[in-house]
Amino acid sequence: YLTMRISARIIEALREVGIEELNELQRKAIEIILSGKNLLIVAPTGSGKTEAAVVPILQKIMENKEDKGFQLLYITPLRALNRDIVKRLSRIISRLNLTIAVRHGDTLEKERRKQAKEPPRILLTTPETLQILFLGKKLKKALKNVRYVIVDEVHELVTSKRGTQLAVALERLKEITNFQLIGLSATVRDSKKVASFLSSNMDVLIWKEEKKYLY
């Protein structure tokens, strides 16, 4: 572990869920994300991209406990992926006394009201639902505290209408807050195209796991 940068609480939480050691991709990504740079991670399924993105952001959230509202938006194109991710992350996050929730078209009204009243630190959502969050007065206020955005399976969105929706929503978010942007993608031929989709006006570094380089 990068023990000088990652707190003992997070290291212990990772070990409690069976993550004894970080791989090369995770170590490099954590270093870059802790430095504040925007990053696209291109690597195969099962390579640990989720933890590579989330661990350094958890460290940053733990260091700024006074912040309120949503701090991390984790956006995925699929509701099933949302459920899988929240299940994986909840095991770590619950050990850090942080809050996490999911919001999409199937979220019950009772849960939506709870999220508006007491926004979780980490919210998992879809491109369509992110657009809707701007319509609620309390939710839009909570969005002003967003400091980090992760877009998972971003390669699935690049040439789709849902991708256009997401791009518009991210531009709207930029108007009310400044945030660090992390993209997660399966191996693709044109990673520069994926990075430019993530942001046309923010510098985004690219880490390609199979080639071990940044550009």
C-alpha atoms as a PDB file:
ATOM      1  CA  TYR A   1       0.000   0.000   0.000  1.00  0.00           C
ATOM      2  CA  LEU A   2       0.995   3.632  -0.401  1.00  0.00           C
ATOM      3  CA  THR A   3       1.078   3.872   3.363  1.00  0.00           C
ATOM      4  CA  MET A   4       2.325   7.456   3.338  1.00  0.00           C
ATOM      5  CA  ARG A   5      -0.764   8.541   1.409  1.00  0.00           C
ATOM      6  CA  ILE A   6      -3.546   6.098   2.368  1.00  0.00           C
ATOM      7  CA  SER A   7      -4.775   6.101   5.967  1.00  0.00           C
ATOM      8  CA  ALA A   8      -4.503   3.080   8.255  1.00  0.00           C
ATOM      9  CA  ARG A   9      -8.324   2.961   8.493  1.00  0.00           C
ATOM     10  CA  ILE A  10      -8.701   2.517   4.754  1.00  0.00           C
ATOM     11  CA  ILE A  11      -5.902  -0.049   4.604  1.00  0.00           C
ATOM     12  CA  GLU A  12      -7.576  -2.024   7.397  1.00  0.00           C
ATOM     13  CA  ALA A  13     -10.986  -1.777   5.669  1.00  0.00           C
ATOM     14  CA  LEU A  14      -9.472  -3.163   2.460  1.00  0.00           C
ATOM     15  CA  ARG A  15      -7.866  -6.040   4.319  1.00  0.00           C
ATOM     16  CA  GLU A  16     -11.121  -6.853   6.063  1.00  0.00           C
ATOM     17  CA  VAL A  17     -12.766  -7.393   2.660  1.00  0.00           C
ATOM     18  CA  GLY A  18      -9.883  -9.510   1.402  1.00  0.00           C
ATOM     19  CA  ILE A  19      -7.717  -6.960  -0.444  1.00  0.00           C
ATOM     20  CA  GLU A  20      -4.283  -7.597   1.005  1.00  0.00           C
ATOM     21  CA  GLU A  21      -2.201  -5.935  -1.684  1.00  0.00           C
ATOM     22  CA  LEU A  22      -2.774  -3.423  -4.490  1.00  0.00           C
ATOM     23  CA  ASN A  23      -1.696  -4.334  -8.016  1.00  0.00           C
ATOM     24  CA  GLU A  24       0.450  -2.137 -10.255  1.00  0.00           C
ATOM     25  CA  LEU A  25      -2.521  -0.501 -11.980  1.00  0.00           C
ATOM     26  CA  GLN A  26      -4.099   0.388  -8.642  1.00  0.00           C
ATOM     27  CA  ARG A  27      -0.881   1.758  -7.156  1.00  0.00           C
ATOM     28  CA  LYS A  28      -0.225   3.978 -10.171  1.00  0.00           C
ATOM     29  CA  ALA A  29      -3.831   5.175 -10.433  1.00  0.00           C
ATOM     30  CA  ILE A  30      -3.973   6.000  -6.718  1.00  0.00           C
ATOM     31  CA  GLU A  31      -0.834   8.088  -7.027  1.00  0.00           C
ATOM     32  CA  ILE A  32      -2.243  10.040  -9.981  1.00  0.00           C
ATOM     33  CA  ILE A  33      -5.698  10.564  -8.463  1.00  0.00           C
ATOM     34  CA  LEU A  34      -4.270  11.709  -5.128  1.00  0.00           C
ATOM     35  CA  SER A  35      -2.315  14.333  -7.074  1.00  0.00           C
ATOM     36  CA  GLY A  36      -5.630  15.786  -8.260  1.00  0.00           C
ATOM     37  CA  LYS A  37      -5.326  14.959 -11.966  1.00  0.00           C
ATOM     38  CA  ASN A  38      -8.196  13.750 -14.152  1.00  0.00           C
ATOM     39  CA  LEU A  39      -7.632  10.187 -15.343  1.00  0.00           C
ATOM     40  CA  LEU A  40      -8.989   7.570 -17.749  1.00  0.00           C
ATOM     41  CA  ILE A  41      -8.094   4.001 -16.756  1.00  0.00           C
ATOM     42  CA  VAL A  42      -8.225   1.547 -19.670  1.00  0.00           C
ATOM     43  CA  ALA A  43      -7.932  -2.072 -18.526  1.00  0.00           C
ATOM     44  CA  PRO A  44      -9.714  -5.434 -18.844  1.00  0.00           C
ATOM     45  CA  THR A  45     -12.609  -6.521 -16.641  1.00  0.00           C
ATOM     46  CA  GLY A  46     -11.380  -7.874 -13.306  1.00  0.00           C
ATOM     47  CA  SER A  47      -8.212  -5.777 -13.221  1.00  0.00           C
ATOM     48  CA  GLY A  48      -9.313  -3.764 -10.175  1.00  0.00           C
ATOM     49  CA  LYS A  49     -10.295  -0.493 -11.866  1.00  0.00           C
ATOM     50  CA  THR A  50     -13.085   0.228  -9.372  1.00  0.00           C
ATOM     51  CA  GLU A  51     -10.806   0.071  -6.330  1.00  0.00           C
ATOM     52  CA  ALA A  52      -8.101   1.979  -8.224  1.00  0.00           C
ATOM     53  CA  ALA A  53     -10.509   4.899  -8.624  1.00  0.00           C
ATOM     54  CA  VAL A  54     -12.380   4.719  -5.321  1.00  0.00           C
ATOM     55  CA  VAL A  55      -9.587   4.182  -2.763  1.00  0.00           C
ATOM     56  CA  PRO A  56      -7.829   7.548  -3.312  1.00  0.00           C
ATOM     57  CA  ILE A  57     -11.162   9.372  -3.405  1.00  0.00           C
ATOM     58  CA  LEU A  58     -12.159   7.787  -0.099  1.00  0.00           C
ATOM     59  CA  GLN A  59      -8.877   9.073   1.299  1.00  0.00           C
ATOM     60  CA  LYS A  60      -9.713  12.586   0.132  1.00  0.00           C
ATOM     61  CA  ILE A  61     -13.250  12.395   1.523  1.00  0.00           C
ATOM     62  CA  MET A  62     -11.921  11.207   4.888  1.00  0.00           C
ATOM     63  CA  GLU A  63      -9.594  14.203   4.975  1.00  0.00           C
ATOM     64  CA  ASN A  64     -12.472  16.653   4.411  1.00  0.00           C
ATOM     65  CA  LYS A  65     -15.175  15.432   6.745  1.00  0.00           C
ATOM     66  CA  GLU A  66     -16.668  18.886   7.138  1.00  0.00           C
ATOM     67  CA  ASP A  67     -17.949  18.815   3.541  1.00  0.00           C
ATOM     68  CA  LYS A  68     -21.663  18.093   3.153  1.00  0.00           C
ATOM     69  CA  GLY A  69     -23.866  16.812   0.346  1.00  0.00           C
ATOM     70  CA  PHE A  70     -22.799  14.453  -2.415  1.00  0.00           C
ATOM     71  CA  GLN A  71     -19.019  14.349  -2.673  1.00  0.00           C
ATOM     72  CA  LEU A  72     -18.576  11.474  -5.106  1.00  0.00           C
ATOM     73  CA  LEU A  73     -20.870  10.692  -8.026  1.00  0.00           C
ATOM     74  CA  TYR A  74     -20.295   7.217  -9.424  1.00  0.00           C
ATOM     75  CA  ILE A  75     -22.033   6.992 -12.802  1.00  0.00           C
ATOM     76  CA  THR A  76     -22.654   3.746 -14.674  1.00  0.00           C
ATOM     77  CA  PRO A  77     -24.724   3.052 -17.805  1.00  0.00           C
ATOM     78  CA  LEU A  78     -26.407  -0.034 -16.333  1.00  0.00           C
ATOM     79  CA  ARG A  79     -28.631  -0.389 -13.261  1.00  0.00           C
ATOM     80  CA  ALA A  80     -27.358  -3.938 -12.728  1.00  0.00           C
ATOM     81  CA  LEU A  81     -23.806  -2.585 -12.607  1.00  0.00           C
ATOM     82  CA  ASN A  82     -24.951   0.015 -10.076  1.00  0.00           C
ATOM     83  CA  ARG A  83     -26.217  -2.752  -7.811  1.00  0.00           C
ATOM     84  CA  ASP A  84     -23.003  -4.741  -8.202  1.00  0.00           C
ATOM     85  CA  ILE A  85     -20.791  -1.722  -7.493  1.00  0.00           C
ATOM     86  CA  VAL A  86     -22.752  -0.602  -4.427  1.00  0.00           C
ATOM     87  CA  LYS A  87     -22.551  -4.122  -3.024  1.00  0.00           C
ATOM     88  CA  ARG A  88     -18.758  -4.184  -3.480  1.00  0.00           C
ATOM     89  CA  LEU A  89     -18.161  -0.682  -2.178  1.00  0.00           C
ATOM     90  CA  SER A  90     -20.563  -0.888   0.777  1.00  0.00           C
ATOM     91  CA  ARG A  91     -18.361  -3.512   2.395  1.00  0.00           C
ATOM     92  CA  ILE A  92     -15.476  -1.020   2.468  1.00  0.00           C
ATOM     93  CA  ILE A  93     -17.411   2.201   3.019  1.00  0.00           C
ATOM     94  CA  SER A  94     -19.426   0.889   5.977  1.00  0.00           C
ATOM     95  CA  ARG A  95     -16.148   0.302   7.814  1.00  0.00           C
ATOM     96  CA  LEU A  96     -15.230   3.965   7.324  1.00  0.00           C
ATOM     97  CA  ASN A  97     -18.533   5.357   8.666  1.00  0.00           C
ATOM     98  CA  LEU A  98     -19.330   6.940   5.304  1.00  0.00           C
ATOM     99  CA  THR A  99     -22.659   6.778   3.500  1.00  0.00           C
ATOM    100  CA  ILE A 100     -23.478   5.388   0.063  1.00  0.00           C
ATOM    101  CA  ALA A 101     -26.735   5.095  -1.877  1.00  0.00           C
ATOM    102  CA  VAL A 102     -28.071   4.243  -5.337  1.00  0.00           C
ATOM    103  CA  ARG A 103     -30.465   6.386  -7.338  1.00  0.00           C
ATOM    104  CA  HIS A 104     -32.054   5.439 -10.652  1.00  0.00           C
ATOM    105  CA  GLY A 105     -35.507   4.936 -12.141  1.00  0.00           C
ATOM    106  CA  ASP A 106     -36.378   2.073  -9.775  1.00  0.00           C
ATOM    107  CA  THR A 107     -35.416   3.882  -6.570  1.00  0.00           C
ATOM    108  CA  LEU A 108     -38.383   4.020  -4.184  1.00  0.00           C
ATOM    109  CA  GLU A 109     -39.903   7.414  -3.386  1.00  0.00           C
ATOM    110  CA  LYS A 110     -39.163   6.957   0.316  1.00  0.00           C
ATOM    111  CA  GLU A 111     -35.459   6.497  -0.478  1.00  0.00           C
ATOM    112  CA  ARG A 112     -35.476   9.501  -2.837  1.00  0.00           C
ATOM    113  CA  ARG A 113     -36.870  11.741  -0.098  1.00  0.00           C
ATOM    114  CA  LYS A 114     -34.226  10.450   2.306  1.00  0.00           C
ATOM    115  CA  GLN A 115     -31.461  11.240  -0.207  1.00  0.00           C
ATOM    116  CA  ALA A 116     -32.779  14.764  -0.678  1.00  0.00           C
ATOM    117  CA  LYS A 117     -32.992  15.361   3.076  1.00  0.00           C
ATOM    118  CA  GLU A 118     -29.720  13.666   4.014  1.00  0.00           C
ATOM    119  CA  PRO A 119     -27.537  13.306   0.909  1.00  0.00           C
ATOM    120  CA  PRO A 120     -25.080  10.391   1.117  1.00  0.00           C
ATOM    121  CA  ARG A 121     -21.402  11.151   0.645  1.00  0.00           C
ATOM    122  CA  ILE A 122     -21.322   8.729  -2.296  1.00  0.00           C
ATOM    123  CA  LEU A 123     -24.139   8.405  -4.831  1.00  0.00           C
ATOM    124  CA  LEU A 124     -24.282   5.798  -7.582  1.00  0.00           C
ATOM    125  CA  THR A 125     -26.486   6.781 -10.482  1.00  0.00           C
ATOM    126  CA  THR A 126     -27.093   6.583 -14.246  1.00  0.00           C
ATOM    127  CA  PRO A 127     -26.693   9.230 -16.983  1.00  0.00           C
ATOM    128  CA  GLU A 128     -30.466   9.768 -17.177  1.00  0.00           C
ATOM    129  CA  THR A 129     -30.947  10.145 -13.431  1.00  0.00           C
ATOM    130  CA  LEU A 130     -28.041  12.566 -13.140  1.00  0.00           C
ATOM    131  CA  GLN A 131     -29.954  14.944 -15.408  1.00  0.00           C
ATOM    132  CA  ILE A 132     -33.010  14.660 -13.161  1.00  0.00           C
ATOM    133  CA  LEU A 133     -31.016  15.550 -10.043  1.00  0.00           C
ATOM    134  CA  PHE A 134     -30.665  19.114 -11.319  1.00  0.00           C
ATOM    135  CA  LEU A 135     -34.451  19.612 -11.125  1.00  0.00           C
ATOM    136  CA  GLY A 136     -34.857  19.237  -7.366  1.00  0.00           C
ATOM    137  CA  LYS A 137     -33.958  22.254  -5.213  1.00  0.00           C
ATOM    138  CA  LYS A 138     -32.406  20.200  -2.392  1.00  0.00           C
ATOM    139  CA  LEU A 139     -30.693  17.791  -4.754  1.00  0.00           C
ATOM    140  CA  LYS A 140     -29.187  20.570  -6.861  1.00  0.00           C
ATOM    141  CA  LYS A 141     -27.873  22.167  -3.673  1.00  0.00           C
ATOM    142  CA  ALA A 142     -26.308  18.827  -2.713  1.00  0.00           C
ATOM    143  CA  LEU A 143     -24.659  18.612  -6.136  1.00  0.00           C
ATOM    144  CA  LYS A 144     -22.753  21.827  -5.414  1.00  0.00           C
ATOM    145  CA  ASN A 145     -20.565  19.811  -3.040  1.00  0.00           C
ATOM    146  CA  VAL A 146     -19.508  17.223  -5.613  1.00  0.00           C
ATOM    147  CA  ARG A 147     -15.714  17.048  -5.752  1.00  0.00           C
ATOM    148  CA  TYR A 148     -15.235  13.765  -7.623  1.00  0.00           C
ATOM    149  CA  VAL A 149     -16.982  12.047 -10.529  1.00  0.00           C
ATOM    150  CA  ILE A 150     -16.311   8.472 -11.677  1.00  0.00           C
ATOM    151  CA  VAL A 151     -17.785   7.303 -14.994  1.00  0.00           C
ATOM    152  CA  ASP A 152     -17.675   3.509 -15.263  1.00  0.00           C
ATOM    153  CA  GLU A 153     -17.904   1.564 -18.546  1.00  0.00           C
ATOM    154  CA  VAL A 154     -17.411   4.892 -20.312  1.00  0.00           C
ATOM    155  CA  HIS A 155     -16.635   3.145 -23.622  1.00  0.00           C
ATOM    156  CA  GLU A 156     -20.292   2.050 -23.740  1.00  0.00           C
ATOM    157  CA  LEU A 157     -21.415   5.694 -23.793  1.00  0.00           C
ATOM    158  CA  VAL A 158     -19.070   7.333 -26.282  1.00  0.00           C
ATOM    159  CA  THR A 159     -21.232   7.106 -29.428  1.00  0.00           C
ATOM    160  CA  SER A 160     -24.693   6.761 -27.867  1.00  0.00           C
ATOM    161  CA  LYS A 161     -27.557   9.141 -27.080  1.00  0.00           C
ATOM    162  CA  ARG A 162     -27.089   8.260 -23.399  1.00  0.00           C
ATOM    163  CA  GLY A 163     -23.502   9.428 -23.735  1.00  0.00           C
ATOM    164  CA  THR A 164     -24.724  12.739 -25.102  1.00  0.00           C
ATOM    165  CA  GLN A 165     -27.058  13.028 -22.122  1.00  0.00           C
ATOM    166  CA  LEU A 166     -24.160  12.398 -19.764  1.00  0.00           C
ATOM    167  CA  ALA A 167     -21.919  14.912 -21.527  1.00  0.00           C
ATOM    168  CA  VAL A 168     -24.613  17.584 -21.143  1.00  0.00           C
ATOM    169  CA  ALA A 169     -25.115  16.708 -17.472  1.00  0.00           C
ATOM    170  CA  LEU A 170     -21.385  16.926 -16.755  1.00  0.00           C
ATOM    171  CA  GLU A 171     -21.242  20.348 -18.410  1.00  0.00           C
ATOM    172  CA  ARG A 172     -24.128  21.466 -16.202  1.00  0.00           C
ATOM    173  CA  LEU A 173     -22.294  20.128 -13.168  1.00  0.00           C
ATOM    174  CA  LYS A 174     -19.185  22.108 -14.125  1.00  0.00           C
ATOM    175  CA  GLU A 175     -21.287  25.281 -13.924  1.00  0.00           C
ATOM    176  CA  ILE A 176     -22.006  24.789 -10.215  1.00  0.00           C
ATOM    177  CA  THR A 177     -18.907  23.002  -8.864  1.00  0.00           C
ATOM    178  CA  ASN A 178     -15.322  22.007  -9.616  1.00  0.00           C
ATOM    179  CA  PHE A 179     -14.614  18.295  -9.629  1.00  0.00           C
ATOM    180  CA  GLN A 180     -11.973  15.707 -10.451  1.00  0.00           C
ATOM    181  CA  LEU A 181     -13.006  13.341 -13.239  1.00  0.00           C
ATOM    182  CA  ILE A 182     -12.125   9.641 -13.427  1.00  0.00           C
ATOM    183  CA  GLY A 183     -13.160   7.386 -16.304  1.00  0.00           C
ATOM    184  CA  LEU A 184     -13.078   3.578 -16.266  1.00  0.00           C
ATOM    185  CA  SER A 185     -13.064   1.709 -19.559  1.00  0.00           C
ATOM    186  CA  ALA A 186     -12.557  -1.774 -20.896  1.00  0.00           C
ATOM    187  CA  THR A 187      -9.740  -2.111 -23.413  1.00  0.00           C
ATOM    188  CA  VAL A 188     -10.522  -0.008 -26.492  1.00  0.00           C
ATOM    189  CA  ARG A 189      -8.616   0.783 -29.675  1.00  0.00           C
ATOM    190  CA  ASP A 190      -8.979   4.568 -29.493  1.00  0.00           C
ATOM    191  CA  SER A 191      -8.522   5.550 -25.853  1.00  0.00           C
ATOM    192  CA  LYS A 192      -7.895   9.182 -26.807  1.00  0.00           C
ATOM    193  CA  LYS A 193     -11.410   9.338 -28.250  1.00  0.00           C
ATOM    194  CA  VAL A 194     -12.818   8.029 -24.979  1.00  0.00           C
ATOM    195  CA  ALA A 195     -10.807  10.588 -22.995  1.00  0.00           C
ATOM    196  CA  SER A 196     -12.010  13.456 -25.195  1.00  0.00           C
ATOM    197  CA  PHE A 197     -15.583  12.248 -24.749  1.00  0.00           C
ATOM    198  CA  LEU A 198     -15.150  12.437 -20.978  1.00  0.00           C
ATOM    199  CA  SER A 199     -14.188  16.075 -21.236  1.00  0.00           C
ATOM    200  CA  SER A 200     -13.530  18.386 -24.152  1.00  0.00           C
ATOM    201  CA  ASN A 201     -12.195  21.172 -21.921  1.00  0.00           C
ATOM    202  CA  MET A 202     -10.406  19.348 -19.084  1.00  0.00           C
ATOM    203  CA  ASP A 203      -7.039  17.619 -19.371  1.00  0.00           C
ATOM    204  CA  VAL A 204      -7.444  13.859 -18.912  1.00  0.00           C
ATOM    205  CA  LEU A 205      -4.454  11.535 -18.483  1.00  0.00           C
ATOM    206  CA  ILE A 206      -4.743   8.000 -19.844  1.00  0.00           C
ATOM    207  CA  TRP A 207      -3.381   4.860 -18.179  1.00  0.00           C
ATOM    208  CA  LYS A 208      -3.506   1.804 -20.436  1.00  0.00           C
ATOM    209  CA  GLU A 209      -2.994  -1.258 -18.286  1.00  0.00           C
ATOM    210  CA  GLU A 210      -1.745  -3.506 -21.064  1.00  0.00           C
ATOM    211  CA  LYS A 211       0.927  -0.999 -22.159  1.00  0.00           C
ATOM    212  CA  LYS A 212       1.769   0.485 -18.749  1.00  0.00           C
ATOM    213  CA  TYR A 213       2.092   4.079 -19.872  1.00  0.00           C
ATOM    214  CA  LEU A 214       0.521   7.493 -19.600  1.00  0.00           C
ATOM    215  CA  TYR A 215      -0.026  10.071 -22.327  1.00  0.00           C
END
